[in-house]
Amino acid sequence: MEEGKAQSIYFGHPVNFYMGSKFNVHGDKEEKLIKIIESAFPKFTIYNPNKKCNQENYKLWKQKYGNGMKYFFEVVLPERDAGIFLPFEDGMWGKGVFGEAEFLYNQGKPIWEIDLKGRIKSIEKSNFSKCLSVEETRERIYN
């Protein structure tokens, strides 16, 4: 990390938690979890992927490369110093959130899990056993 540069923690979470998303079925849970993360990690600035620029770039990369997540793996995540990730209510990992966590883990960056109650724990590789397929993830988010 560069001297004087603030550390950035990526908050990976399913899009049905995004405030403003037509798929949001969790009300203001995203905001509440962000406040908990801010309190638990005061030395980090939180990078929330729920930004219009990310949604636009996701669409552009999907058109150009056939995979919108490629944008996150090549542009967004390499700039983060750590990550905190929210699985679904039953502890299963959505494919995209899982991929983001695994990417940072493989880069040697610290990662944590946060649950809906705001409990935070460190993630080890062995915690990655409950990953849904792309189809299962989409079913949970969009239906």
C-alpha atoms as a PDB file:
ATOM      1  CA  MET A   1       0.000   0.000   0.000  1.00  0.00           C
ATOM      2  CA  GLU A   2       1.249   3.480  -0.856  1.00  0.00           C
ATOM      3  CA  GLU A   3       2.146   5.743   2.056  1.00  0.00           C
ATOM      4  CA  GLY A   4      -0.747   8.040   2.934  1.00  0.00           C
ATOM      5  CA  LYS A   5      -3.237   6.272   0.673  1.00  0.00           C
ATOM      6  CA  ALA A   6      -6.437   5.225   2.446  1.00  0.00           C
ATOM      7  CA  GLN A   7      -7.143   1.516   2.428  1.00  0.00           C
ATOM      8  CA  SER A   8     -10.223   0.420   0.526  1.00  0.00           C
ATOM      9  CA  ILE A   9     -12.497  -2.485   1.456  1.00  0.00           C
ATOM     10  CA  TYR A  10     -14.855  -3.884  -1.157  1.00  0.00           C
ATOM     11  CA  PHE A  11     -18.384  -4.716   0.039  1.00  0.00           C
ATOM     12  CA  GLY A  12     -19.571  -7.593  -2.159  1.00  0.00           C
ATOM     13  CA  HIS A  13     -23.245  -8.409  -1.774  1.00  0.00           C
ATOM     14  CA  PRO A  14     -26.117  -9.764  -3.897  1.00  0.00           C
ATOM     15  CA  VAL A  15     -27.836  -7.177  -6.085  1.00  0.00           C
ATOM     16  CA  ASN A  16     -31.176  -7.868  -4.412  1.00  0.00           C
ATOM     17  CA  PHE A  17     -29.729  -5.956  -1.430  1.00  0.00           C
ATOM     18  CA  TYR A  18     -28.802  -2.895  -3.536  1.00  0.00           C
ATOM     19  CA  MET A  19     -30.701   0.234  -2.498  1.00  0.00           C
ATOM     20  CA  GLY A  20     -32.555   1.549  -5.517  1.00  0.00           C
ATOM     21  CA  SER A  21     -32.569  -1.799  -7.319  1.00  0.00           C
ATOM     22  CA  LYS A  22     -35.915  -3.019  -8.606  1.00  0.00           C
ATOM     23  CA  PHE A  23     -34.865  -6.431  -7.274  1.00  0.00           C
ATOM     24  CA  ASN A  24     -34.244  -5.166  -3.710  1.00  0.00           C
ATOM     25  CA  VAL A  25     -36.342  -7.213  -1.320  1.00  0.00           C
ATOM     26  CA  HIS A  26     -34.375  -6.209   1.795  1.00  0.00           C
ATOM     27  CA  GLY A  27     -35.294  -2.547   2.250  1.00  0.00           C
ATOM     28  CA  ASP A  28     -32.482  -0.518   3.770  1.00  0.00           C
ATOM     29  CA  LYS A  29     -30.396  -3.522   4.870  1.00  0.00           C
ATOM     30  CA  GLU A  30     -27.538  -2.445   2.570  1.00  0.00           C
ATOM     31  CA  GLU A  31     -27.244   0.907   4.404  1.00  0.00           C
ATOM     32  CA  LYS A  32     -27.385  -0.757   7.811  1.00  0.00           C
ATOM     33  CA  LEU A  33     -24.653  -3.234   6.914  1.00  0.00           C
ATOM     34  CA  ILE A  34     -22.456  -0.440   5.543  1.00  0.00           C
ATOM     35  CA  LYS A  35     -22.727   1.396   8.873  1.00  0.00           C
ATOM     36  CA  ILE A  36     -21.672  -1.781  10.696  1.00  0.00           C
ATOM     37  CA  ILE A  37     -18.721  -2.243   8.322  1.00  0.00           C
ATOM     38  CA  GLU A  38     -17.674   1.401   8.796  1.00  0.00           C
ATOM     39  CA  SER A  39     -17.712   0.908  12.555  1.00  0.00           C
ATOM     40  CA  ALA A  40     -15.797  -2.401  12.410  1.00  0.00           C
ATOM     41  CA  PHE A  41     -13.189  -1.158   9.897  1.00  0.00           C
ATOM     42  CA  PRO A  42     -12.600   2.547  10.650  1.00  0.00           C
ATOM     43  CA  LYS A  43      -9.265   2.637   8.778  1.00  0.00           C
ATOM     44  CA  PHE A  44     -10.906   1.526   5.524  1.00  0.00           C
ATOM     45  CA  THR A  45     -13.014   3.425   3.044  1.00  0.00           C
ATOM     46  CA  ILE A  46     -15.851   1.221   1.854  1.00  0.00           C
ATOM     47  CA  TYR A  47     -16.165   0.561  -1.848  1.00  0.00           C
ATOM     48  CA  ASN A  48     -19.800  -0.250  -2.563  1.00  0.00           C
ATOM     49  CA  PRO A  49     -20.274  -1.702  -6.058  1.00  0.00           C
ATOM     50  CA  ASN A  50     -23.840  -0.344  -6.043  1.00  0.00           C
ATOM     51  CA  LYS A  51     -22.877   2.644  -8.169  1.00  0.00           C
ATOM     52  CA  LYS A  52     -24.319   3.808 -11.451  1.00  0.00           C
ATOM     53  CA  CYS A  53     -20.866   3.809 -13.090  1.00  0.00           C
ATOM     54  CA  ASN A  54     -20.420   0.133 -12.192  1.00  0.00           C
ATOM     55  CA  GLN A  55     -23.840  -0.792 -13.537  1.00  0.00           C
ATOM     56  CA  GLU A  56     -23.074   1.016 -16.798  1.00  0.00           C
ATOM     57  CA  ASN A  57     -19.603  -0.493 -17.145  1.00  0.00           C
ATOM     58  CA  TYR A  58     -20.938  -3.964 -16.333  1.00  0.00           C
ATOM     59  CA  LYS A  59     -23.337  -3.651 -19.285  1.00  0.00           C
ATOM     60  CA  LEU A  60     -20.594  -2.334 -21.589  1.00  0.00           C
ATOM     61  CA  TRP A  61     -18.170  -5.129 -20.674  1.00  0.00           C
ATOM     62  CA  LYS A  62     -20.927  -7.699 -21.057  1.00  0.00           C
ATOM     63  CA  GLN A  63     -21.584  -6.437 -24.600  1.00  0.00           C
ATOM     64  CA  LYS A  64     -17.898  -6.216 -25.487  1.00  0.00           C
ATOM     65  CA  TYR A  65     -16.515  -9.323 -23.748  1.00  0.00           C
ATOM     66  CA  GLY A  66     -19.607 -11.430 -23.060  1.00  0.00           C
ATOM     67  CA  ASN A  67     -19.053 -11.188 -19.295  1.00  0.00           C
ATOM     68  CA  GLY A  68     -19.871  -8.104 -17.239  1.00  0.00           C
ATOM     69  CA  MET A  69     -18.095  -9.462 -14.169  1.00  0.00           C
ATOM     70  CA  LYS A  70     -14.844  -9.172 -16.124  1.00  0.00           C
ATOM     71  CA  TYR A  71     -15.069  -5.415 -15.423  1.00  0.00           C
ATOM     72  CA  PHE A  72     -14.967  -6.036 -11.669  1.00  0.00           C
ATOM     73  CA  PHE A  73     -12.113  -8.547 -11.898  1.00  0.00           C
ATOM     74  CA  GLU A  74      -9.945  -6.357 -14.143  1.00  0.00           C
ATOM     75  CA  VAL A  75     -10.791  -2.821 -13.039  1.00  0.00           C
ATOM     76  CA  VAL A  76     -12.485  -2.599  -9.644  1.00  0.00           C
ATOM     77  CA  LEU A  77     -11.164  -5.427  -7.468  1.00  0.00           C
ATOM     78  CA  PRO A  78      -7.428  -5.051  -8.205  1.00  0.00           C
ATOM     79  CA  GLU A  79      -7.618  -1.570  -6.635  1.00  0.00           C
ATOM     80  CA  ARG A  80      -9.095  -2.844  -3.343  1.00  0.00           C
ATOM     81  CA  ASP A  81      -7.024  -3.736  -0.287  1.00  0.00           C
ATOM     82  CA  ALA A  82      -9.542  -6.087   1.340  1.00  0.00           C
ATOM     83  CA  GLY A  83     -13.081  -7.354   1.000  1.00  0.00           C
ATOM     84  CA  ILE A  84     -16.152  -8.084   3.048  1.00  0.00           C
ATOM     85  CA  PHE A  85     -18.874 -10.251   1.576  1.00  0.00           C
ATOM     86  CA  LEU A  86     -22.503 -11.042   2.269  1.00  0.00           C
ATOM     87  CA  PRO A  87     -23.826 -14.502   1.448  1.00  0.00           C
ATOM     88  CA  PHE A  88     -27.531 -15.198   1.070  1.00  0.00           C
ATOM     89  CA  GLU A  89     -29.651 -15.665   4.190  1.00  0.00           C
ATOM     90  CA  ASP A  90     -28.998 -19.420   4.298  1.00  0.00           C
ATOM     91  CA  GLY A  91     -25.207 -19.020   4.062  1.00  0.00           C
ATOM     92  CA  MET A  92     -25.001 -19.940   0.376  1.00  0.00           C
ATOM     93  CA  TRP A  93     -22.736 -17.794  -1.795  1.00  0.00           C
ATOM     94  CA  GLY A  94     -23.993 -16.211  -4.991  1.00  0.00           C
ATOM     95  CA  LYS A  95     -21.685 -16.957  -7.917  1.00  0.00           C
ATOM     96  CA  GLY A  96     -20.621 -13.326  -8.434  1.00  0.00           C
ATOM     97  CA  VAL A  97     -20.033 -12.554  -4.757  1.00  0.00           C
ATOM     98  CA  PHE A  98     -18.146 -15.839  -4.413  1.00  0.00           C
ATOM     99  CA  GLY A  99     -15.958 -14.962  -7.410  1.00  0.00           C
ATOM    100  CA  GLU A 100     -15.154 -11.535  -5.998  1.00  0.00           C
ATOM    101  CA  ALA A 101     -14.203 -12.974  -2.596  1.00  0.00           C
ATOM    102  CA  GLU A 102     -12.106 -15.694  -4.195  1.00  0.00           C
ATOM    103  CA  PHE A 103     -10.334 -13.140  -6.403  1.00  0.00           C
ATOM    104  CA  LEU A 104      -9.226 -11.030  -3.434  1.00  0.00           C
ATOM    105  CA  TYR A 105      -8.335 -14.134  -1.421  1.00  0.00           C
ATOM    106  CA  ASN A 106      -6.125 -15.383  -4.259  1.00  0.00           C
ATOM    107  CA  GLN A 107      -4.434 -11.966  -4.329  1.00  0.00           C
ATOM    108  CA  GLY A 108      -3.452 -12.488  -0.688  1.00  0.00           C
ATOM    109  CA  LYS A 109      -5.802  -9.775   0.523  1.00  0.00           C
ATOM    110  CA  PRO A 110      -7.807 -10.187   3.740  1.00  0.00           C
ATOM    111  CA  ILE A 111     -11.481 -11.031   3.357  1.00  0.00           C
ATOM    112  CA  TRP A 112     -14.364 -11.273   5.784  1.00  0.00           C
ATOM    113  CA  GLU A 113     -17.954 -12.457   5.777  1.00  0.00           C
ATOM    114  CA  ILE A 114     -20.786 -10.379   7.177  1.00  0.00           C
ATOM    115  CA  ASP A 115     -24.179 -11.910   7.866  1.00  0.00           C
ATOM    116  CA  LEU A 116     -27.578 -10.231   7.954  1.00  0.00           C
ATOM    117  CA  LYS A 117     -27.256  -9.606  11.683  1.00  0.00           C
ATOM    118  CA  GLY A 118     -23.998  -7.743  11.103  1.00  0.00           C
ATOM    119  CA  ARG A 119     -21.751 -10.422  12.564  1.00  0.00           C
ATOM    120  CA  ILE A 120     -18.325 -10.410  10.932  1.00  0.00           C
ATOM    121  CA  LYS A 121     -15.852 -13.268  10.689  1.00  0.00           C
ATOM    122  CA  SER A 122     -12.676 -13.904   8.741  1.00  0.00           C
ATOM    123  CA  ILE A 123     -13.040 -16.122   5.673  1.00  0.00           C
ATOM    124  CA  GLU A 124     -10.682 -18.955   4.987  1.00  0.00           C
ATOM    125  CA  LYS A 125     -10.610 -20.945   1.756  1.00  0.00           C
ATOM    126  CA  SER A 126     -12.516 -23.756   3.486  1.00  0.00           C
ATOM    127  CA  ASN A 127     -15.512 -21.410   3.946  1.00  0.00           C
ATOM    128  CA  PHE A 128     -16.057 -21.429   0.180  1.00  0.00           C
ATOM    129  CA  SER A 129     -17.927 -24.737   0.052  1.00  0.00           C
ATOM    130  CA  LYS A 130     -21.424 -23.343  -0.438  1.00  0.00           C
ATOM    131  CA  CYS A 131     -21.253 -21.627  -3.824  1.00  0.00           C
ATOM    132  CA  LEU A 132     -24.343 -21.545  -6.014  1.00  0.00           C
ATOM    133  CA  SER A 133     -24.223 -21.892  -9.777  1.00  0.00           C
ATOM    134  CA  VAL A 134     -24.907 -18.869 -11.986  1.00  0.00           C
ATOM    135  CA  GLU A 135     -28.417 -20.189 -12.652  1.00  0.00           C
ATOM    136  CA  GLU A 136     -29.149 -20.779  -8.948  1.00  0.00           C
ATOM    137  CA  THR A 137     -27.862 -17.306  -8.103  1.00  0.00           C
ATOM    138  CA  ARG A 138     -30.019 -15.660 -10.766  1.00  0.00           C
ATOM    139  CA  GLU A 139     -33.052 -17.616  -9.529  1.00  0.00           C
ATOM    140  CA  ARG A 140     -32.569 -16.218  -6.023  1.00  0.00           C
ATOM    141  CA  ILE A 141     -32.019 -12.645  -7.159  1.00  0.00           C
ATOM    142  CA  TYR A 142     -34.544 -12.204  -9.927  1.00  0.00           C
ATOM    143  CA  ASN A 143     -37.446 -14.451  -8.860  1.00  0.00           C
END
